[in-house]
Amino acid sequence: MSCGHRWPYGPVAIVTPFNFPLEIPVLQLMGCLFMGNKPVLKPAELCALVMEQFLRLLHHCGMDPNDVDFLNGRGPVAQELILTAPVRLTQFTGSSKVAELLARETRGKVMMEDAGFDWKILGPDVEDVDYVAWQCDQDAYASSGQKCSAQSIMFVHENWKSTDLYDKIKVNADKRSMKDLTVGPVLTVSTKRVMDHIQRLLQIPGASLLFGGKELSDHDIPDKYGAVEPTAVFVPLAEMLKPEHFEHCVTELFAPFQVVTEYKEDELHFVLDACERMSHHLTAAVVSNDVKFQTKVLANSVNGTTYAGRRARTTGAPQNHWFGPAGDPRGCGIGTAEAIQLVWSCHREIIYDSVVPENWTQPKAT
């Protein structure tokens, strides 16, 4: 009799980001414990206090203090521990640069949920412009764009040119303010870095500033952080696809910024090619109720969490569904039982073969 089991790894590490100081580490930590592992938790040093207090809550509720080790420190400290202690698996959520470093140093013993330059494609069927404009603003600029699932680029079908979609997105973006924290400091990139990137894109032939492009006014945010208005830069599709421009156009800033481009009916294949050329495939949105259009885009793309339909978005999903990248065997998910099993356990097959037949005789050697 053969039985398959999901088996814990044992000693593991969890490295979590600053932008979701409670949700991401809690989901990964609890999934890790549910599957029987012994984790060391390393949250981002900017917000480690949050998870320290959560662990104290777990202790208060009865969890054995020996079940989880807590590491408060910078990245190099965590790397030293991961490489010298008997850690069998590291689950990392954060920047692609650090993820690739861990993958090399651990010889592949890592599961990643790293950065994503996330795309949205607006299909040929134009409806509900107000709703689409609101959702585009939310996807690109909520949390000042500091989400791995934030909308980074939008491909707009030519049929939308007859609408005031861009104006409506701008109206929503202009309402964002430091006063109600609908826009705020960017913690991982400076204002100068954002402005330099904007200027680089505006040098592309045909590029233009749709809105934003300025530093926030009346603020005392330190220079090492970013303080910029929600910004959109239009870049012609043909220019964006050129080798000398493409990497600049698909550089993730982790700031309230997006690239916008347009395509004609017979140019969808160029759009799909651009989406596949992007280095990471986390979230995506296909804004269309046209089933044939949906099917063509979905069949020729790979993003791990993809929304389709008029209400399609790249971020802000309340449903308890899988969230994670695709197209990379090191990619990991969060949010579902399948994600927990995939990340925090391996397959073990146990074959029970116990009874020797009474009339058994020794066969010839093979």
Protein backbone atom coordinates (compact mmCIF):
# COMPACT_ATOMS: atom_id res chain seq x y z
CA MET A 1 0.00 0.00 0.00
CA SER A 2 1.38 3.39 -1.00
CA CYS A 3 0.44 6.56 0.89
CA GLY A 4 1.41 10.13 0.05
CA HIS A 5 2.00 12.60 2.86
CA ARG A 6 2.75 16.30 3.13
CA TRP A 7 5.82 16.49 5.35
CA PRO A 8 7.23 19.51 7.21
CA TYR A 9 10.76 20.71 6.49
CA GLY A 10 11.59 21.29 10.15
CA PRO A 11 13.90 24.29 10.72
CA VAL A 12 12.88 27.11 8.36
CA ALA A 13 13.21 30.89 8.06
CA ILE A 14 10.60 33.53 7.20
CA VAL A 15 11.76 36.94 5.93
CA THR A 16 8.96 39.49 5.53
CA PRO A 17 8.62 43.04 4.10
CA PHE A 18 7.87 46.43 5.59
CA ASN A 19 4.76 47.26 3.58
CA PHE A 20 2.51 44.61 5.16
CA PRO A 21 3.94 44.47 8.69
CA LEU A 22 1.19 42.22 10.08
CA GLU A 23 -0.74 40.43 7.31
CA ILE A 24 2.09 38.80 5.34
CA PRO A 25 4.20 37.61 8.30
CA VAL A 26 1.14 36.35 10.17
CA LEU A 27 -0.20 34.38 7.20
CA GLN A 28 3.17 32.81 6.44
CA LEU A 29 4.01 32.19 10.09
CA MET A 30 0.71 30.49 10.92
CA GLY A 31 0.84 28.37 7.76
CA CYS A 32 4.38 27.38 8.65
CA LEU A 33 3.33 26.33 12.16
CA PHE A 34 0.20 24.54 10.94
CA MET A 35 2.40 22.28 8.80
CA GLY A 36 4.66 21.39 11.74
CA ASN A 37 7.78 23.46 11.07
CA LYS A 38 10.06 25.32 13.50
CA PRO A 39 10.50 28.86 12.11
CA VAL A 40 12.82 31.74 12.81
CA LEU A 41 10.94 34.91 11.89
CA LYS A 42 12.85 37.93 10.52
CA PRO A 43 10.46 40.86 9.86
CA ALA A 44 11.61 44.09 8.22
CA GLU A 45 13.57 46.14 10.75
CA LEU A 46 11.41 49.20 9.97
CA CYS A 47 8.39 47.56 11.58
CA ALA A 48 9.65 44.59 13.61
CA LEU A 49 7.76 45.81 16.70
CA VAL A 50 4.46 44.78 15.10
CA MET A 51 5.35 41.10 14.91
CA GLU A 52 7.12 41.17 18.26
CA GLN A 53 3.84 42.21 19.84
CA PHE A 54 1.93 39.60 17.82
CA LEU A 55 4.21 36.87 19.15
CA ARG A 56 3.59 38.13 22.68
CA LEU A 57 -0.13 37.79 21.93
CA LEU A 58 0.39 34.19 20.80
CA HIS A 59 2.33 33.47 23.99
CA HIS A 60 -0.51 34.98 26.01
CA CYS A 61 -2.96 32.71 24.17
CA GLY A 62 -0.95 29.61 25.04
CA MET A 63 1.63 29.09 22.30
CA ASP A 64 4.87 27.56 23.59
CA PRO A 65 7.55 30.30 23.43
CA ASN A 66 9.92 27.71 21.94
CA ASP A 67 7.75 27.27 18.85
CA VAL A 68 8.99 30.44 17.10
CA ASP A 69 12.38 32.19 17.19
CA PHE A 70 12.34 35.95 16.54
CA LEU A 71 15.22 37.80 14.86
CA ASN A 72 15.27 41.58 14.96
CA GLY A 73 18.07 42.98 12.81
CA ARG A 74 19.21 43.93 9.34
CA GLY A 75 19.42 41.75 6.27
CA PRO A 76 23.08 40.67 6.57
CA VAL A 77 22.38 39.32 10.06
CA ALA A 78 19.51 37.22 8.75
CA GLN A 79 21.62 36.01 5.83
CA GLU A 80 24.38 34.88 8.19
CA LEU A 81 21.89 32.91 10.27
CA ILE A 82 20.24 31.33 7.23
CA LEU A 83 23.59 30.23 5.79
CA THR A 84 25.17 28.94 9.00
CA ALA A 85 22.20 27.42 10.85
CA PRO A 86 20.54 24.19 9.62
CA VAL A 87 17.73 26.07 7.83
CA ARG A 88 16.16 23.79 5.23
CA LEU A 89 13.92 26.38 3.58
CA THR A 90 13.70 30.17 3.55
CA GLN A 91 10.45 31.84 2.57
CA PHE A 92 11.17 35.39 1.38
CA THR A 93 8.81 38.23 0.56
CA GLY A 94 10.46 41.41 -0.68
CA SER A 95 12.64 42.84 -3.41
CA SER A 96 13.77 40.81 -6.41
CA LYS A 97 17.40 41.79 -5.79
CA VAL A 98 17.45 40.25 -2.32
CA ALA A 99 15.42 37.25 -3.48
CA GLU A 100 17.96 36.41 -6.16
CA LEU A 101 20.81 36.87 -3.66
CA LEU A 102 19.18 34.41 -1.26
CA ALA A 103 18.53 31.96 -4.09
CA ARG A 104 22.23 31.94 -4.98
CA GLU A 105 23.55 31.81 -1.43
CA THR A 106 21.17 29.06 -0.28
CA ARG A 107 21.67 27.05 -3.49
CA GLY A 108 18.00 27.30 -4.33
CA LYS A 109 16.54 26.46 -0.92
CA VAL A 110 14.20 29.44 -1.05
CA MET A 111 10.57 30.16 -1.92
CA MET A 112 9.96 33.69 -3.24
CA GLU A 113 7.13 36.14 -3.38
CA ASP A 114 9.16 38.98 -4.78
CA ALA A 115 8.52 42.18 -6.68
CA GLY A 116 6.18 42.43 -9.61
CA PHE A 117 5.89 44.98 -12.42
CA ASP A 118 2.15 44.40 -12.73
CA TRP A 119 0.21 45.10 -15.89
CA LYS A 120 -3.37 45.96 -16.73
CA ILE A 121 -4.85 45.59 -20.21
CA LEU A 122 -8.03 47.47 -21.12
CA GLY A 123 -9.90 45.53 -23.78
CA PRO A 124 -11.91 46.75 -26.79
CA ASP A 125 -15.31 46.80 -25.04
CA VAL A 126 -15.70 50.25 -23.48
CA GLU A 127 -18.14 50.54 -20.57
CA ASP A 128 -18.32 51.75 -16.97
CA VAL A 129 -15.66 54.41 -17.50
CA ASP A 130 -16.15 55.94 -14.04
CA TYR A 131 -15.65 52.58 -12.35
CA VAL A 132 -12.60 51.66 -14.44
CA ALA A 133 -11.02 55.06 -13.76
CA TRP A 134 -11.58 54.69 -10.01
CA GLN A 135 -10.13 51.17 -9.99
CA CYS A 136 -7.08 52.28 -11.99
CA ASP A 137 -6.41 55.03 -9.46
CA GLN A 138 -6.74 52.58 -6.57
CA ASP A 139 -4.50 49.98 -8.21
CA ALA A 140 -1.71 52.41 -9.05
CA TYR A 141 -1.73 54.86 -6.16
CA ALA A 142 -3.25 53.31 -3.01
CA SER A 143 -0.58 52.98 -0.30
CA SER A 144 1.49 55.36 -2.46
CA GLY A 145 2.15 52.48 -4.84
CA GLN A 146 4.10 50.56 -2.19
CA LYS A 147 2.59 47.19 -2.96
CA CYS A 148 4.14 44.38 -4.96
CA SER A 149 0.73 44.12 -6.65
CA ALA A 150 0.37 47.81 -7.55
CA GLN A 151 -0.53 48.64 -11.14
CA SER A 152 2.74 49.58 -12.84
CA ILE A 153 1.72 49.79 -16.49
CA MET A 154 -1.58 50.10 -18.33
CA PHE A 155 -2.17 49.05 -21.95
CA VAL A 156 -5.23 50.90 -23.27
CA HIS A 157 -7.16 49.77 -26.36
CA GLU A 158 -7.67 52.52 -28.89
CA ASN A 159 -11.46 52.41 -28.35
CA TRP A 160 -10.98 54.09 -24.96
CA LYS A 161 -9.46 57.18 -26.60
CA SER A 162 -12.96 58.51 -27.25
CA THR A 163 -13.64 58.62 -23.50
CA ASP A 164 -12.30 60.90 -20.78
CA LEU A 165 -10.68 57.98 -18.95
CA TYR A 166 -7.33 59.71 -18.37
CA ASP A 167 -9.03 62.87 -17.10
CA LYS A 168 -11.12 60.83 -14.67
CA ILE A 169 -8.06 58.99 -13.35
CA LYS A 170 -6.34 62.36 -12.89
CA VAL A 171 -9.31 63.75 -10.96
CA ASN A 172 -9.16 60.81 -8.57
CA ALA A 173 -5.38 61.07 -8.23
CA ASP A 174 -5.56 64.80 -7.53
CA LYS A 175 -7.84 64.14 -4.57
CA ARG A 176 -5.10 62.23 -2.78
CA SER A 177 -3.55 64.18 0.07
CA MET A 178 -1.09 63.94 2.92
CA LYS A 179 -3.89 65.17 5.18
CA ASP A 180 -5.88 61.95 4.89
CA LEU A 181 -2.85 59.76 4.12
CA THR A 182 -4.15 58.77 0.69
CA VAL A 183 -0.66 59.69 -0.45
CA GLY A 184 2.43 59.70 1.72
CA PRO A 185 6.12 58.94 2.09
CA VAL A 186 7.77 56.36 -0.13
CA LEU A 187 10.17 54.43 2.08
CA THR A 188 12.45 52.66 -0.39
CA VAL A 189 13.16 55.27 -3.08
CA SER A 190 13.96 58.98 -2.87
CA THR A 191 12.14 61.85 -4.53
CA LYS A 192 15.19 62.45 -6.71
CA ARG A 193 15.19 58.84 -7.90
CA VAL A 194 11.53 59.08 -8.92
CA MET A 195 12.02 62.42 -10.66
CA ASP A 196 15.08 61.16 -12.52
CA HIS A 197 13.08 58.16 -13.73
CA ILE A 198 10.24 60.38 -14.93
CA GLN A 199 12.65 62.59 -16.84
CA ARG A 200 14.32 59.57 -18.43
CA LEU A 201 10.98 58.32 -19.74
CA LEU A 202 9.99 61.77 -21.00
CA GLN A 203 13.07 61.72 -23.24
CA ILE A 204 11.54 58.86 -25.24
CA PRO A 205 10.10 60.16 -28.54
CA GLY A 206 6.36 60.77 -28.22
CA ALA A 207 6.31 60.41 -24.43
CA SER A 208 4.31 62.89 -22.37
CA LEU A 209 3.34 63.59 -18.78
CA LEU A 210 -0.34 62.77 -18.25
CA PHE A 211 -0.43 64.14 -14.69
CA GLY A 212 1.67 64.45 -11.54
CA GLY A 213 5.40 64.59 -11.95
CA LYS A 214 5.96 66.97 -9.03
CA GLU A 215 7.19 66.73 -5.46
CA LEU A 216 4.50 66.86 -2.80
CA SER A 217 4.04 70.31 -1.30
CA ASP A 218 3.98 71.31 2.37
CA HIS A 219 5.74 68.27 3.77
CA ASP A 220 8.71 67.56 6.04
CA ILE A 221 9.55 64.10 4.72
CA PRO A 222 13.33 63.47 4.91
CA ASP A 223 15.19 63.56 1.60
CA LYS A 224 16.12 59.88 1.73
CA TYR A 225 12.44 59.01 1.31
CA GLY A 226 10.14 59.78 -1.61
CA ALA A 227 7.49 62.49 -1.61
CA VAL A 228 5.88 62.66 -5.04
CA GLU A 229 2.44 63.26 -6.50
CA PRO A 230 0.62 60.33 -8.11
CA THR A 231 2.14 60.31 -11.58
CA ALA A 232 1.44 58.79 -14.99
CA VAL A 233 3.70 59.00 -18.04
CA PHE A 234 2.45 58.08 -21.51
CA VAL A 235 4.92 56.24 -23.76
CA PRO A 236 4.03 55.17 -27.34
CA LEU A 237 3.90 51.39 -27.63
CA ALA A 238 6.28 51.22 -30.60
CA GLU A 239 8.90 53.25 -28.73
CA MET A 240 8.44 51.33 -25.49
CA LEU A 241 9.16 48.03 -27.23
CA LYS A 242 12.53 49.19 -28.52
CA PRO A 243 15.49 47.57 -26.72
CA GLU A 244 16.94 50.93 -25.70
CA HIS A 245 13.70 51.91 -23.93
CA PHE A 246 11.99 48.74 -22.74
CA GLU A 247 13.87 48.10 -19.49
CA HIS A 248 13.42 51.72 -18.44
CA CYS A 249 9.69 51.50 -19.12
CA VAL A 250 9.27 48.34 -17.01
CA THR A 251 11.43 49.39 -14.05
CA GLU A 252 9.50 49.05 -10.82
CA LEU A 253 9.79 52.10 -8.55
CA PHE A 254 7.56 51.01 -5.64
CA ALA A 255 6.12 54.52 -5.70
CA PRO A 256 2.91 56.24 -6.88
CA PHE A 257 3.88 55.97 -10.54
CA GLN A 258 2.69 54.16 -13.65
CA VAL A 259 3.39 54.00 -17.36
CA VAL A 260 0.47 54.27 -19.79
CA THR A 261 0.47 53.20 -23.43
CA GLU A 262 -2.10 52.51 -26.15
CA TYR A 263 -2.54 49.76 -28.72
CA LYS A 264 -4.62 49.23 -31.84
CA GLU A 265 -6.85 46.25 -32.62
CA ASP A 266 -4.12 44.48 -34.59
CA GLU A 267 -1.38 45.22 -32.02
CA LEU A 268 -2.47 42.96 -29.17
CA HIS A 269 0.33 40.53 -29.96
CA PHE A 270 2.84 43.30 -29.27
CA VAL A 271 1.19 43.92 -25.90
CA LEU A 272 1.31 40.24 -24.99
CA ASP A 273 4.94 40.05 -26.04
CA ALA A 274 5.74 43.00 -23.78
CA CYS A 275 3.98 41.34 -20.84
CA GLU A 276 6.01 38.17 -21.31
CA ARG A 277 9.28 40.09 -21.59
CA MET A 278 8.79 41.50 -18.10
CA SER A 279 11.00 39.74 -15.59
CA HIS A 280 8.40 38.97 -12.91
CA HIS A 281 4.83 37.76 -13.16
CA LEU A 282 2.91 38.46 -9.97
CA THR A 283 -0.48 40.12 -10.61
CA ALA A 284 -2.32 41.30 -13.70
CA ALA A 285 -5.73 42.54 -14.83
CA VAL A 286 -7.69 42.02 -18.04
CA VAL A 287 -10.39 44.70 -18.01
CA SER A 288 -12.90 43.27 -20.44
CA ASN A 289 -16.14 41.31 -20.50
CA ASP A 290 -15.35 40.11 -24.04
CA VAL A 291 -14.82 36.37 -23.50
CA LYS A 292 -12.76 35.87 -26.67
CA PHE A 293 -10.49 38.76 -25.72
CA GLN A 294 -10.14 37.48 -22.17
CA THR A 295 -9.29 33.99 -23.41
CA LYS A 296 -6.62 35.22 -25.80
CA VAL A 297 -4.88 37.30 -23.15
CA LEU A 298 -5.12 34.66 -20.44
CA ALA A 299 -3.88 31.92 -22.76
CA ASN A 300 -0.80 33.96 -23.65
CA SER A 301 0.20 35.25 -20.22
CA VAL A 302 1.40 33.68 -16.98
CA ASN A 303 0.90 36.04 -14.02
CA GLY A 304 0.15 34.07 -10.88
CA THR A 305 -2.82 36.14 -9.69
CA THR A 306 -4.78 37.46 -12.66
CA TYR A 307 -8.17 39.16 -12.58
CA ALA A 308 -10.46 39.23 -15.60
CA GLY A 309 -13.69 41.13 -16.24
CA ARG A 310 -14.92 44.69 -16.03
CA ARG A 311 -13.94 44.89 -12.36
CA ALA A 312 -10.48 43.41 -12.91
CA ARG A 313 -7.77 44.90 -10.73
CA THR A 314 -4.16 44.19 -9.84
CA THR A 315 -4.38 44.69 -6.08
CA GLY A 316 -6.65 45.16 -3.10
CA ALA A 317 -8.34 41.77 -3.25
CA PRO A 318 -10.39 40.78 -0.18
CA GLN A 319 -11.14 37.25 -1.37
CA ASN A 320 -9.43 34.33 0.28
CA HIS A 321 -7.68 33.22 -2.89
CA TRP A 322 -4.16 32.27 -3.95
CA PHE A 323 -1.79 35.23 -4.14
CA GLY A 324 1.65 34.73 -5.62
CA PRO A 325 3.75 34.76 -8.78
CA ALA A 326 3.84 32.17 -11.55
CA GLY A 327 6.31 31.08 -14.19
CA ASP A 328 9.16 30.52 -11.69
CA PRO A 329 9.59 27.21 -9.84
CA ARG A 330 10.80 29.17 -6.82
CA GLY A 331 7.58 31.17 -6.63
CA CYS A 332 5.37 30.75 -3.59
CA GLY A 333 1.84 31.69 -2.66
CA ILE A 334 -0.16 32.87 0.29
CA GLY A 335 -3.77 32.88 1.37
CA THR A 336 -5.09 29.37 0.69
CA ALA A 337 -4.72 25.82 1.98
CA GLU A 338 -2.95 24.93 -1.27
CA ALA A 339 -0.45 27.75 -0.71
CA ILE A 340 0.27 26.59 2.83
CA GLN A 341 0.90 23.01 1.70
CA LEU A 342 3.01 24.04 -1.29
CA VAL A 343 5.28 26.39 0.65
CA TRP A 344 5.57 24.74 4.03
CA SER A 345 5.71 21.03 3.26
CA CYS A 346 7.25 18.59 0.84
CA HIS A 347 5.85 15.36 -0.54
CA ARG A 348 6.79 12.13 1.18
CA GLU A 349 5.66 8.72 -0.09
CA ILE A 350 5.52 5.83 2.37
CA ILE A 351 5.06 2.36 0.85
CA TYR A 352 3.83 -0.32 3.23
CA ASP A 353 4.85 -3.81 2.11
CA SER A 354 4.75 -6.12 5.13
CA VAL A 355 3.58 -9.67 4.43
CA VAL A 356 5.91 -12.30 2.95
CA PRO A 357 3.86 -15.01 1.15
CA GLU A 358 3.92 -18.40 2.92
CA ASN A 359 5.00 -20.22 -0.27
CA TRP A 360 7.77 -17.73 -1.10
CA THR A 361 10.95 -19.14 -2.65
CA GLN A 362 14.06 -17.21 -3.47
CA PRO A 363 14.09 -16.12 -7.13
CA LYS A 364 17.13 -16.01 -9.39
CA ALA A 365 19.37 -12.97 -8.97
CA THR A 366 18.72 -10.09 -11.36
